[in-house]
Amino acid sequence: MRTTLTIDDDVAAAIERRRRELNHSLKQEVNELLRAGLVHVEQERPNARRFRVEPLDVGKPLVDNFDDISAVLAIAEGENHR
């Protein structure tokens, strides 16, 4: 796959340093680093704890129609809510 990436200057410098040390092509070095990063991310995923929300039955609403704001305010703040 061919694509164009914009790489931050510090990342590009680190890739270039590593590429020269290992005598790799830019393509080879970027692919190796991406593979290593993907493996690292995939290994971390199973350790993450899942967050689960349990439903809570709070019963029947005190107001049948929430479109009637006056009735909702009367229950929430009392009859003198105005």
C-alpha atoms as a PDB file:
ATOM      1  CA  MET A   1       0.000   0.000   0.000  1.00  0.00           C
ATOM      2  CA  ARG A   2       1.284   3.440  -0.832  1.00  0.00           C
ATOM      3  CA  THR A   3       0.382   6.382   1.349  1.00  0.00           C
ATOM      4  CA  THR A   4       1.643   9.760   2.462  1.00  0.00           C
ATOM      5  CA  LEU A   5       2.325  10.398   6.133  1.00  0.00           C
ATOM      6  CA  THR A   6       3.209  13.567   7.957  1.00  0.00           C
ATOM      7  CA  ILE A   7       5.695  12.581  10.657  1.00  0.00           C
ATOM      8  CA  ASP A   8       6.664  14.879  13.515  1.00  0.00           C
ATOM      9  CA  ASP A   9      10.256  16.121  13.368  1.00  0.00           C
ATOM     10  CA  ASP A  10      11.368  14.316  16.536  1.00  0.00           C
ATOM     11  CA  VAL A  11       9.913  11.005  15.303  1.00  0.00           C
ATOM     12  CA  ALA A  12      11.488  11.436  11.863  1.00  0.00           C
ATOM     13  CA  ALA A  13      14.891  12.109  13.458  1.00  0.00           C
ATOM     14  CA  ALA A  14      14.604   9.006  15.662  1.00  0.00           C
ATOM     15  CA  ILE A  15      13.616   6.859  12.672  1.00  0.00           C
ATOM     16  CA  GLU A  16      16.493   8.246  10.629  1.00  0.00           C
ATOM     17  CA  ARG A  17      19.021   7.591  13.432  1.00  0.00           C
ATOM     18  CA  ARG A  18      17.785   4.032  13.838  1.00  0.00           C
ATOM     19  CA  ARG A  19      17.667   3.480  10.059  1.00  0.00           C
ATOM     20  CA  ARG A  20      21.323   4.503   9.703  1.00  0.00           C
ATOM     21  CA  GLU A  21      22.462   2.382  12.679  1.00  0.00           C
ATOM     22  CA  LEU A  22      20.783  -0.720  11.261  1.00  0.00           C
ATOM     23  CA  ASN A  23      21.523   0.097   7.620  1.00  0.00           C
ATOM     24  CA  HIS A  24      17.831  -0.266   6.718  1.00  0.00           C
ATOM     25  CA  SER A  25      15.826   1.517   4.082  1.00  0.00           C
ATOM     26  CA  LEU A  26      13.262   4.027   5.321  1.00  0.00           C
ATOM     27  CA  LYS A  27      10.463   1.718   4.173  1.00  0.00           C
ATOM     28  CA  GLN A  28      11.943  -1.259   6.030  1.00  0.00           C
ATOM     29  CA  GLU A  29      12.504   0.720   9.228  1.00  0.00           C
ATOM     30  CA  VAL A  30       9.035   2.302   9.270  1.00  0.00           C
ATOM     31  CA  ASN A  31       7.390  -1.068   8.662  1.00  0.00           C
ATOM     32  CA  GLU A  32       9.392  -2.733  11.461  1.00  0.00           C
ATOM     33  CA  LEU A  33       8.564   0.044  13.906  1.00  0.00           C
ATOM     34  CA  LEU A  34       4.882  -0.019  12.988  1.00  0.00           C
ATOM     35  CA  ARG A  35       4.760  -3.811  13.420  1.00  0.00           C
ATOM     36  CA  ALA A  36       6.451  -3.570  16.823  1.00  0.00           C
ATOM     37  CA  GLY A  37       4.051  -0.828  17.881  1.00  0.00           C
ATOM     38  CA  LEU A  38       1.033  -2.847  16.781  1.00  0.00           C
ATOM     39  CA  VAL A  39       2.239  -5.924  18.681  1.00  0.00           C
ATOM     40  CA  HIS A  40       2.776  -3.782  21.774  1.00  0.00           C
ATOM     41  CA  VAL A  41      -0.706  -2.246  21.554  1.00  0.00           C
ATOM     42  CA  GLU A  42      -2.355  -5.631  20.988  1.00  0.00           C
ATOM     43  CA  GLN A  43      -0.563  -7.109  24.022  1.00  0.00           C
ATOM     44  CA  GLU A  44      -1.776  -4.300  26.283  1.00  0.00           C
ATOM     45  CA  ARG A  45      -5.409  -4.606  25.297  1.00  0.00           C
ATOM     46  CA  PRO A  46      -6.324  -7.842  27.177  1.00  0.00           C
ATOM     47  CA  ASN A  47      -4.955  -6.443  30.448  1.00  0.00           C
ATOM     48  CA  ALA A  48      -7.290  -3.465  30.403  1.00  0.00           C
ATOM     49  CA  ARG A  49     -10.251  -3.849  32.735  1.00  0.00           C
ATOM     50  CA  ARG A  50     -13.607  -3.567  31.059  1.00  0.00           C
ATOM     51  CA  PHE A  51     -15.953  -0.988  32.458  1.00  0.00           C
ATOM     52  CA  ARG A  52     -19.495  -2.205  32.803  1.00  0.00           C
ATOM     53  CA  VAL A  53     -22.556  -0.306  33.918  1.00  0.00           C
ATOM     54  CA  GLU A  54     -25.250  -2.304  35.656  1.00  0.00           C
ATOM     55  CA  PRO A  55     -28.808  -1.079  35.100  1.00  0.00           C
ATOM     56  CA  LEU A  56     -30.726   0.051  38.172  1.00  0.00           C
ATOM     57  CA  ASP A  57     -34.508  -0.069  38.290  1.00  0.00           C
ATOM     58  CA  VAL A  58     -35.603   3.195  39.891  1.00  0.00           C
ATOM     59  CA  GLY A  59     -39.282   2.449  39.488  1.00  0.00           C
ATOM     60  CA  LYS A  60     -42.034   4.373  37.753  1.00  0.00           C
ATOM     61  CA  PRO A  61     -41.344   8.052  37.015  1.00  0.00           C
ATOM     62  CA  LEU A  62     -43.189  10.549  39.191  1.00  0.00           C
ATOM     63  CA  VAL A  63     -44.286  12.426  36.074  1.00  0.00           C
ATOM     64  CA  ASP A  64     -46.059  10.762  33.169  1.00  0.00           C
ATOM     65  CA  ASN A  65     -45.071  13.399  30.620  1.00  0.00           C
ATOM     66  CA  PHE A  66     -41.687  15.141  30.826  1.00  0.00           C
ATOM     67  CA  ASP A  67     -42.846  17.616  28.166  1.00  0.00           C
ATOM     68  CA  ASP A  68     -44.921  19.337  30.883  1.00  0.00           C
ATOM     69  CA  ILE A  69     -42.080  21.307  32.466  1.00  0.00           C
ATOM     70  CA  SER A  70     -44.400  22.933  34.965  1.00  0.00           C
ATOM     71  CA  ALA A  71     -45.398  19.532  36.388  1.00  0.00           C
ATOM     72  CA  VAL A  72     -41.764  18.396  36.545  1.00  0.00           C
ATOM     73  CA  LEU A  73     -40.735  21.594  38.391  1.00  0.00           C
ATOM     74  CA  ALA A  74     -43.688  21.287  40.767  1.00  0.00           C
ATOM     75  CA  ILE A  75     -42.483  17.835  41.805  1.00  0.00           C
ATOM     76  CA  ALA A  76     -38.771  18.720  41.892  1.00  0.00           C
ATOM     77  CA  GLU A  77     -38.983  22.151  43.532  1.00  0.00           C
ATOM     78  CA  GLY A  78     -42.462  22.290  45.016  1.00  0.00           C
ATOM     79  CA  GLU A  79     -45.584  24.105  43.898  1.00  0.00           C
ATOM     80  CA  ASN A  80     -44.001  27.532  44.486  1.00  0.00           C
ATOM     81  CA  HIS A  81     -41.303  26.976  41.843  1.00  0.00           C
ATOM     82  CA  ARG A  82     -42.117  30.146  39.884  1.00  0.00           C
END
